[in-house]
Amino acid sequence: MVDRNDSGDGAFLPGFLLRFAAALLLVLLTYNPTGLSFVHWLRRALETDQAGALHALAGVALLIGWIVFLRTAWASLGVLGLVLGSIFLGTLVWVLVEFNVVDVASAGALQWIVLVCVAVLLAVGMSWGVWKRRASGQVEVDEAER
């Protein structure tokens, strides 16, 4: 029998929000404009010749997270879905800029928006199979075999 946690019992939105939170955490732990990210931490350690095993462990953990999210998004959305999602989010940012919600002179604001857009795209990629199953009623072959 197929586990249908996100299929029609009202649990879809919390599931998506959890995927989005995980994606946002991954993205912001990797890089963010505050200077409190893996990229900044590693850069400071390399500049002072103090990079060590803890840096390697954190890097490997982030790499695993990125591979899981990217492989899932790639498998569920494909090239066309990722391109269309990127175009949609880019156009949405353009609308925000045009309506003066976002100031293009603020590089920090644009960085935050891009990071959130990457997290949205990863979360959509993680959730796409659930949406597709709900919309079509079809179950993926991999899911049916479990």
N, C-alpha and C. Protein backbone atom coordinates (compact mmCIF):
# COMPACT_ATOMS: atom_id res chain seq x y z
N MET A 1 0.83 -1.17 0.00
CA MET A 1 0.00 0.00 0.00
C MET A 1 0.88 1.25 0.00
N VAL A 2 0.41 2.27 -0.64
CA VAL A 2 1.17 3.52 -0.79
C VAL A 2 0.85 4.44 0.38
N ASP A 3 1.88 5.06 0.95
CA ASP A 3 1.71 6.05 2.01
C ASP A 3 1.21 7.33 1.37
N ARG A 4 0.09 7.83 1.82
CA ARG A 4 -0.50 9.02 1.21
C ARG A 4 -0.58 10.16 2.21
N ASN A 5 0.52 10.47 2.85
CA ASN A 5 0.54 11.53 3.86
C ASN A 5 0.09 12.87 3.32
N ASP A 6 0.43 13.18 2.08
CA ASP A 6 0.14 14.49 1.52
C ASP A 6 -0.98 14.44 0.50
N SER A 7 -1.87 13.47 0.55
CA SER A 7 -2.81 13.31 -0.55
C SER A 7 -4.26 13.50 -0.14
N GLY A 8 -4.64 14.71 0.10
CA GLY A 8 -6.04 15.00 0.24
C GLY A 8 -6.56 15.08 1.67
N ASP A 9 -5.78 14.81 2.67
CA ASP A 9 -6.27 14.89 4.03
C ASP A 9 -5.95 16.23 4.69
N GLY A 10 -5.56 17.22 3.89
CA GLY A 10 -5.25 18.53 4.42
C GLY A 10 -3.82 18.67 4.90
N ALA A 11 -3.01 17.63 4.77
CA ALA A 11 -1.64 17.66 5.27
C ALA A 11 -0.65 18.15 4.23
N PHE A 12 -1.12 18.53 3.06
CA PHE A 12 -0.17 18.93 2.01
C PHE A 12 0.58 20.22 2.36
N LEU A 13 -0.13 21.25 2.80
CA LEU A 13 0.52 22.53 3.08
C LEU A 13 1.58 22.41 4.18
N PRO A 14 1.29 21.75 5.30
CA PRO A 14 2.37 21.59 6.29
C PRO A 14 3.56 20.81 5.73
N GLY A 15 3.31 19.82 4.89
CA GLY A 15 4.40 19.06 4.27
C GLY A 15 5.24 19.94 3.37
N PHE A 16 4.58 20.78 2.57
CA PHE A 16 5.32 21.69 1.69
C PHE A 16 6.11 22.70 2.51
N LEU A 17 5.49 23.25 3.56
CA LEU A 17 6.19 24.23 4.39
C LEU A 17 7.40 23.62 5.07
N LEU A 18 7.30 22.37 5.46
CA LEU A 18 8.45 21.68 6.05
C LEU A 18 9.56 21.51 5.02
N ARG A 19 9.20 21.13 3.79
CA ARG A 19 10.20 21.00 2.72
C ARG A 19 10.84 22.34 2.40
N PHE A 20 10.01 23.40 2.40
CA PHE A 20 10.54 24.75 2.14
C PHE A 20 11.49 25.18 3.25
N ALA A 21 11.11 24.92 4.50
CA ALA A 21 11.98 25.28 5.63
C ALA A 21 13.31 24.55 5.55
N ALA A 22 13.27 23.26 5.19
CA ALA A 22 14.51 22.49 5.06
C ALA A 22 15.36 23.03 3.91
N ALA A 23 14.73 23.35 2.79
CA ALA A 23 15.46 23.91 1.65
C ALA A 23 16.06 25.27 2.00
N LEU A 24 15.28 26.11 2.67
CA LEU A 24 15.78 27.43 3.05
C LEU A 24 16.94 27.31 4.04
N LEU A 25 16.83 26.38 4.97
CA LEU A 25 17.92 26.15 5.92
C LEU A 25 19.19 25.73 5.18
N LEU A 26 19.06 24.80 4.24
CA LEU A 26 20.21 24.35 3.46
C LEU A 26 20.84 25.51 2.70
N VAL A 27 20.02 26.29 2.02
CA VAL A 27 20.53 27.41 1.22
C VAL A 27 21.22 28.44 2.12
N LEU A 28 20.57 28.82 3.22
CA LEU A 28 21.12 29.87 4.07
C LEU A 28 22.31 29.42 4.91
N LEU A 29 22.36 28.13 5.24
CA LEU A 29 23.55 27.63 5.92
C LEU A 29 24.75 27.63 4.97
N THR A 30 24.49 27.39 3.71
CA THR A 30 25.56 27.37 2.72
C THR A 30 26.08 28.78 2.47
N TYR A 31 25.17 29.73 2.20
CA TYR A 31 25.57 31.12 1.95
C TYR A 31 24.41 32.04 2.31
N ASN A 32 24.74 33.15 2.91
CA ASN A 32 23.78 34.24 3.11
C ASN A 32 24.57 35.53 3.29
N PRO A 33 23.94 36.67 3.02
CA PRO A 33 24.65 37.95 3.06
C PRO A 33 25.08 38.43 4.45
N THR A 34 24.66 37.77 5.51
CA THR A 34 25.02 38.25 6.85
C THR A 34 26.47 37.97 7.22
N GLY A 35 27.11 37.05 6.50
CA GLY A 35 28.47 36.67 6.84
C GLY A 35 28.52 35.47 7.77
N LEU A 36 27.36 34.97 8.18
CA LEU A 36 27.26 33.80 9.05
C LEU A 36 26.81 32.60 8.22
N SER A 37 27.72 32.07 7.42
CA SER A 37 27.40 30.93 6.57
C SER A 37 28.64 30.05 6.43
N PHE A 38 28.44 28.87 5.87
CA PHE A 38 29.56 27.96 5.65
C PHE A 38 30.61 28.60 4.75
N VAL A 39 30.17 29.26 3.69
CA VAL A 39 31.11 29.88 2.76
C VAL A 39 32.00 30.89 3.49
N HIS A 40 31.39 31.74 4.31
CA HIS A 40 32.17 32.74 5.03
C HIS A 40 33.08 32.10 6.08
N TRP A 41 32.54 31.11 6.79
CA TRP A 41 33.31 30.41 7.82
C TRP A 41 34.53 29.71 7.22
N LEU A 42 34.31 29.03 6.09
CA LEU A 42 35.41 28.34 5.42
C LEU A 42 36.43 29.34 4.87
N ARG A 43 35.96 30.43 4.29
CA ARG A 43 36.87 31.44 3.74
C ARG A 43 37.77 32.01 4.83
N ARG A 44 37.18 32.34 6.00
CA ARG A 44 37.99 32.86 7.11
C ARG A 44 39.01 31.82 7.59
N ALA A 45 38.58 30.56 7.65
CA ALA A 45 39.50 29.49 8.09
C ALA A 45 40.63 29.30 7.10
N LEU A 46 40.35 29.37 5.82
CA LEU A 46 41.39 29.21 4.81
C LEU A 46 42.37 30.38 4.82
N GLU A 47 41.86 31.58 5.06
CA GLU A 47 42.73 32.76 5.10
C GLU A 47 43.69 32.70 6.27
N THR A 48 43.28 32.10 7.37
CA THR A 48 44.14 32.01 8.56
C THR A 48 44.80 30.65 8.69
N ASP A 49 44.67 29.83 7.67
CA ASP A 49 45.28 28.49 7.65
C ASP A 49 44.79 27.62 8.81
N GLN A 50 43.49 27.73 9.13
CA GLN A 50 42.94 26.97 10.25
C GLN A 50 41.82 26.03 9.84
N ALA A 51 41.66 25.77 8.55
CA ALA A 51 40.62 24.84 8.10
C ALA A 51 40.97 23.45 8.59
N GLY A 52 39.97 22.74 9.07
CA GLY A 52 40.24 21.42 9.62
C GLY A 52 39.10 20.44 9.40
N ALA A 53 39.08 19.42 10.22
CA ALA A 53 38.12 18.33 10.07
C ALA A 53 36.67 18.80 10.25
N LEU A 54 36.44 19.74 11.14
CA LEU A 54 35.08 20.24 11.36
C LEU A 54 34.56 20.94 10.11
N HIS A 55 35.42 21.67 9.44
CA HIS A 55 35.04 22.33 8.18
C HIS A 55 34.69 21.27 7.13
N ALA A 56 35.52 20.23 7.07
CA ALA A 56 35.26 19.15 6.11
C ALA A 56 33.94 18.46 6.41
N LEU A 57 33.69 18.17 7.67
CA LEU A 57 32.44 17.50 8.06
C LEU A 57 31.22 18.35 7.69
N ALA A 58 31.28 19.63 8.01
CA ALA A 58 30.17 20.53 7.67
C ALA A 58 29.99 20.62 6.16
N GLY A 59 31.09 20.69 5.42
CA GLY A 59 31.01 20.75 3.96
C GLY A 59 30.40 19.50 3.37
N VAL A 60 30.79 18.34 3.89
CA VAL A 60 30.23 17.08 3.39
C VAL A 60 28.74 17.00 3.72
N ALA A 61 28.35 17.42 4.92
CA ALA A 61 26.93 17.39 5.30
C ALA A 61 26.11 18.30 4.38
N LEU A 62 26.62 19.49 4.09
CA LEU A 62 25.92 20.39 3.17
C LEU A 62 25.88 19.80 1.76
N LEU A 63 26.98 19.20 1.34
CA LEU A 63 27.01 18.58 0.01
C LEU A 63 25.96 17.49 -0.11
N ILE A 64 25.83 16.67 0.93
CA ILE A 64 24.80 15.62 0.92
C ILE A 64 23.42 16.24 0.79
N GLY A 65 23.16 17.29 1.56
CA GLY A 65 21.86 17.97 1.47
C GLY A 65 21.59 18.51 0.08
N TRP A 66 22.60 19.16 -0.52
CA TRP A 66 22.43 19.70 -1.87
C TRP A 66 22.17 18.59 -2.89
N ILE A 67 22.89 17.49 -2.77
CA ILE A 67 22.70 16.39 -3.71
C ILE A 67 21.29 15.82 -3.58
N VAL A 68 20.82 15.63 -2.36
CA VAL A 68 19.47 15.09 -2.16
C VAL A 68 18.43 16.04 -2.78
N PHE A 69 18.52 17.31 -2.45
CA PHE A 69 17.54 18.27 -2.97
C PHE A 69 17.63 18.42 -4.49
N LEU A 70 18.84 18.56 -5.01
CA LEU A 70 18.99 18.76 -6.46
C LEU A 70 18.59 17.53 -7.27
N ARG A 71 18.97 16.36 -6.79
CA ARG A 71 18.58 15.13 -7.52
C ARG A 71 17.08 14.95 -7.53
N THR A 72 16.44 15.22 -6.41
CA THR A 72 14.99 15.09 -6.33
C THR A 72 14.31 16.12 -7.22
N ALA A 73 14.76 17.36 -7.16
CA ALA A 73 14.17 18.41 -8.00
C ALA A 73 14.39 18.09 -9.48
N TRP A 74 15.57 17.63 -9.82
CA TRP A 74 15.88 17.29 -11.21
C TRP A 74 15.00 16.13 -11.68
N ALA A 75 14.85 15.10 -10.84
CA ALA A 75 14.06 13.93 -11.22
C ALA A 75 12.57 14.27 -11.34
N SER A 76 12.07 15.13 -10.47
CA SER A 76 10.64 15.40 -10.50
C SER A 76 10.26 16.50 -11.49
N LEU A 77 11.08 17.53 -11.61
CA LEU A 77 10.74 18.65 -12.49
C LEU A 77 11.37 18.54 -13.87
N GLY A 78 12.56 17.94 -13.94
CA GLY A 78 13.27 17.86 -15.21
C GLY A 78 13.82 19.23 -15.60
N VAL A 79 14.49 19.25 -16.73
CA VAL A 79 15.10 20.49 -17.22
C VAL A 79 14.03 21.54 -17.48
N LEU A 80 12.97 21.13 -18.18
CA LEU A 80 11.92 22.09 -18.53
C LEU A 80 11.27 22.68 -17.28
N GLY A 81 10.97 21.85 -16.30
CA GLY A 81 10.35 22.35 -15.07
C GLY A 81 11.25 23.29 -14.31
N LEU A 82 12.53 22.96 -14.23
CA LEU A 82 13.48 23.84 -13.54
C LEU A 82 13.64 25.17 -14.28
N VAL A 83 13.68 25.11 -15.60
CA VAL A 83 13.80 26.34 -16.39
C VAL A 83 12.54 27.19 -16.23
N LEU A 84 11.36 26.56 -16.37
CA LEU A 84 10.11 27.31 -16.23
C LEU A 84 9.95 27.88 -14.82
N GLY A 85 10.32 27.10 -13.81
CA GLY A 85 10.24 27.60 -12.44
C GLY A 85 11.17 28.78 -12.23
N SER A 86 12.38 28.70 -12.78
CA SER A 86 13.34 29.80 -12.67
C SER A 86 12.83 31.04 -13.39
N ILE A 87 12.27 30.85 -14.57
CA ILE A 87 11.72 31.99 -15.32
C ILE A 87 10.56 32.62 -14.54
N PHE A 88 9.68 31.78 -13.99
CA PHE A 88 8.55 32.30 -13.21
C PHE A 88 9.05 33.12 -12.02
N LEU A 89 9.99 32.57 -11.24
CA LEU A 89 10.49 33.27 -10.07
C LEU A 89 11.25 34.54 -10.46
N GLY A 90 12.01 34.47 -11.55
CA GLY A 90 12.71 35.67 -12.04
C GLY A 90 11.74 36.76 -12.45
N THR A 91 10.67 36.36 -13.10
CA THR A 91 9.65 37.34 -13.51
C THR A 91 8.93 37.91 -12.29
N LEU A 92 8.71 37.08 -11.29
CA LEU A 92 8.10 37.56 -10.05
C LEU A 92 8.99 38.61 -9.38
N VAL A 93 10.28 38.38 -9.36
CA VAL A 93 11.22 39.36 -8.80
C VAL A 93 11.17 40.64 -9.62
N TRP A 94 11.09 40.50 -10.93
CA TRP A 94 10.99 41.67 -11.81
C TRP A 94 9.75 42.50 -11.46
N VAL A 95 8.62 41.83 -11.24
CA VAL A 95 7.38 42.52 -10.85
C VAL A 95 7.58 43.25 -9.53
N LEU A 96 8.23 42.60 -8.56
CA LEU A 96 8.48 43.24 -7.27
C LEU A 96 9.35 44.48 -7.43
N VAL A 97 10.33 44.39 -8.33
CA VAL A 97 11.19 45.55 -8.59
C VAL A 97 10.39 46.66 -9.28
N GLU A 98 9.59 46.28 -10.25
CA GLU A 98 8.82 47.28 -11.01
C GLU A 98 7.80 48.00 -10.15
N PHE A 99 7.24 47.31 -9.16
CA PHE A 99 6.26 47.93 -8.27
C PHE A 99 6.92 48.52 -7.01
N ASN A 100 8.25 48.67 -7.07
CA ASN A 100 9.04 49.29 -5.99
C ASN A 100 8.90 48.59 -4.64
N VAL A 101 8.64 47.28 -4.67
CA VAL A 101 8.63 46.51 -3.45
C VAL A 101 10.06 46.18 -3.05
N VAL A 102 10.91 46.01 -4.06
CA VAL A 102 12.33 45.71 -3.86
C VAL A 102 13.15 46.80 -4.51
N ASP A 103 14.14 47.29 -3.80
CA ASP A 103 15.04 48.32 -4.33
C ASP A 103 16.23 47.63 -5.00
N VAL A 104 16.38 47.84 -6.32
CA VAL A 104 17.48 47.20 -7.04
C VAL A 104 18.84 47.75 -6.62
N ALA A 105 18.86 48.89 -5.99
CA ALA A 105 20.14 49.45 -5.53
C ALA A 105 20.66 48.69 -4.31
N SER A 106 19.79 47.94 -3.66
CA SER A 106 20.18 47.18 -2.48
C SER A 106 20.60 45.78 -2.88
N ALA A 107 21.93 45.59 -2.95
CA ALA A 107 22.45 44.27 -3.34
C ALA A 107 22.07 43.21 -2.31
N GLY A 108 22.04 43.59 -1.05
CA GLY A 108 21.68 42.64 0.00
C GLY A 108 20.26 42.14 -0.15
N ALA A 109 19.33 43.03 -0.45
CA ALA A 109 17.93 42.63 -0.63
C ALA A 109 17.80 41.67 -1.81
N LEU A 110 18.48 41.97 -2.90
CA LEU A 110 18.43 41.09 -4.06
C LEU A 110 19.04 39.73 -3.76
N GLN A 111 20.12 39.70 -2.98
CA GLN A 111 20.72 38.42 -2.60
C GLN A 111 19.74 37.58 -1.79
N TRP A 112 19.06 38.21 -0.83
CA TRP A 112 18.08 37.48 -0.02
C TRP A 112 16.96 36.93 -0.90
N ILE A 113 16.49 37.74 -1.84
CA ILE A 113 15.39 37.30 -2.72
C ILE A 113 15.84 36.12 -3.57
N VAL A 114 17.04 36.19 -4.12
CA VAL A 114 17.55 35.08 -4.94
C VAL A 114 17.69 33.81 -4.09
N LEU A 115 18.19 33.94 -2.87
CA LEU A 115 18.34 32.77 -2.00
C LEU A 115 16.99 32.15 -1.67
N VAL A 116 15.99 32.98 -1.39
CA VAL A 116 14.65 32.47 -1.12
C VAL A 116 14.07 31.80 -2.38
N CYS A 117 14.32 32.38 -3.54
CA CYS A 117 13.84 31.78 -4.80
C CYS A 117 14.47 30.41 -5.04
N VAL A 118 15.75 30.27 -4.74
CA VAL A 118 16.41 28.96 -4.87
C VAL A 118 15.75 27.96 -3.93
N ALA A 119 15.46 28.38 -2.71
CA ALA A 119 14.81 27.49 -1.74
C ALA A 119 13.40 27.12 -2.21
N VAL A 120 12.68 28.08 -2.77
CA VAL A 120 11.34 27.79 -3.30
C VAL A 120 11.42 26.75 -4.41
N LEU A 121 12.36 26.93 -5.32
CA LEU A 121 12.52 25.99 -6.43
C LEU A 121 12.87 24.58 -5.92
N LEU A 122 13.75 24.50 -4.94
CA LEU A 122 14.10 23.20 -4.36
C LEU A 122 12.89 22.57 -3.66
N ALA A 123 12.12 23.37 -2.93
CA ALA A 123 10.94 22.85 -2.23
C ALA A 123 9.87 22.39 -3.20
N VAL A 124 9.68 23.14 -4.27
CA VAL A 124 8.72 22.71 -5.30
C VAL A 124 9.18 21.41 -5.92
N GLY A 125 10.47 21.30 -6.19
CA GLY A 125 11.01 20.06 -6.73
C GLY A 125 10.79 18.88 -5.80
N MET A 126 10.94 19.11 -4.50
CA MET A 126 10.70 18.05 -3.52
C MET A 126 9.22 17.70 -3.41
N SER A 127 8.34 18.62 -3.73
CA SER A 127 6.90 18.43 -3.55
C SER A 127 6.17 18.08 -4.84
N TRP A 128 6.83 18.19 -5.96
CA TRP A 128 6.15 18.04 -7.25
C TRP A 128 5.46 16.69 -7.41
N GLY A 129 6.10 15.62 -6.97
CA GLY A 129 5.49 14.30 -7.09
C GLY A 129 4.18 14.21 -6.33
N VAL A 130 4.12 14.85 -5.16
CA VAL A 130 2.89 14.87 -4.36
C VAL A 130 1.80 15.64 -5.09
N TRP A 131 2.14 16.82 -5.63
CA TRP A 131 1.17 17.61 -6.37
C TRP A 131 0.65 16.84 -7.58
N LYS A 132 1.56 16.21 -8.30
CA LYS A 132 1.19 15.47 -9.50
C LYS A 132 0.25 14.32 -9.14
N ARG A 133 0.55 13.61 -8.07
CA ARG A 133 -0.29 12.49 -7.64
C ARG A 133 -1.68 12.99 -7.25
N ARG A 134 -1.73 14.11 -6.55
CA ARG A 134 -3.04 14.66 -6.15
C ARG A 134 -3.83 15.13 -7.34
N ALA A 135 -3.16 15.76 -8.32
CA ALA A 135 -3.87 16.30 -9.48
C ALA A 135 -4.35 15.21 -10.42
N SER A 136 -3.54 14.18 -10.59
CA SER A 136 -3.87 13.15 -11.59
C SER A 136 -4.45 11.88 -10.98
N GLY A 137 -4.20 11.66 -9.71
CA GLY A 137 -4.65 10.42 -9.09
C GLY A 137 -3.74 9.25 -9.41
N GLN A 138 -2.68 9.50 -10.14
CA GLN A 138 -1.76 8.43 -10.52
C GLN A 138 -0.64 8.32 -9.49
N VAL A 139 -0.16 7.09 -9.34
CA VAL A 139 0.93 6.81 -8.42
C VAL A 139 2.17 6.47 -9.23
N GLU A 140 3.31 7.03 -8.81
CA GLU A 140 4.57 6.72 -9.48
C GLU A 140 4.91 5.25 -9.30
N VAL A 141 5.57 4.65 -10.27
CA VAL A 141 5.93 3.22 -10.19
C VAL A 141 6.81 2.96 -8.99
N ASP A 142 7.78 3.84 -8.73
CA ASP A 142 8.69 3.65 -7.59
C ASP A 142 7.91 3.63 -6.28
N GLU A 143 6.86 4.47 -6.18
CA GLU A 143 6.08 4.53 -4.96
C GLU A 143 5.25 3.26 -4.77
N ALA A 144 4.70 2.74 -5.85
CA ALA A 144 3.84 1.56 -5.77
C ALA A 144 4.62 0.33 -5.35
N GLU A 145 5.91 0.28 -5.67
CA GLU A 145 6.73 -0.88 -5.34
C GLU A 145 7.08 -0.93 -3.86
N ARG A 146 6.96 0.18 -3.15
CA ARG A 146 7.27 0.19 -1.72
C ARG A 146 6.18 -0.46 -1.01
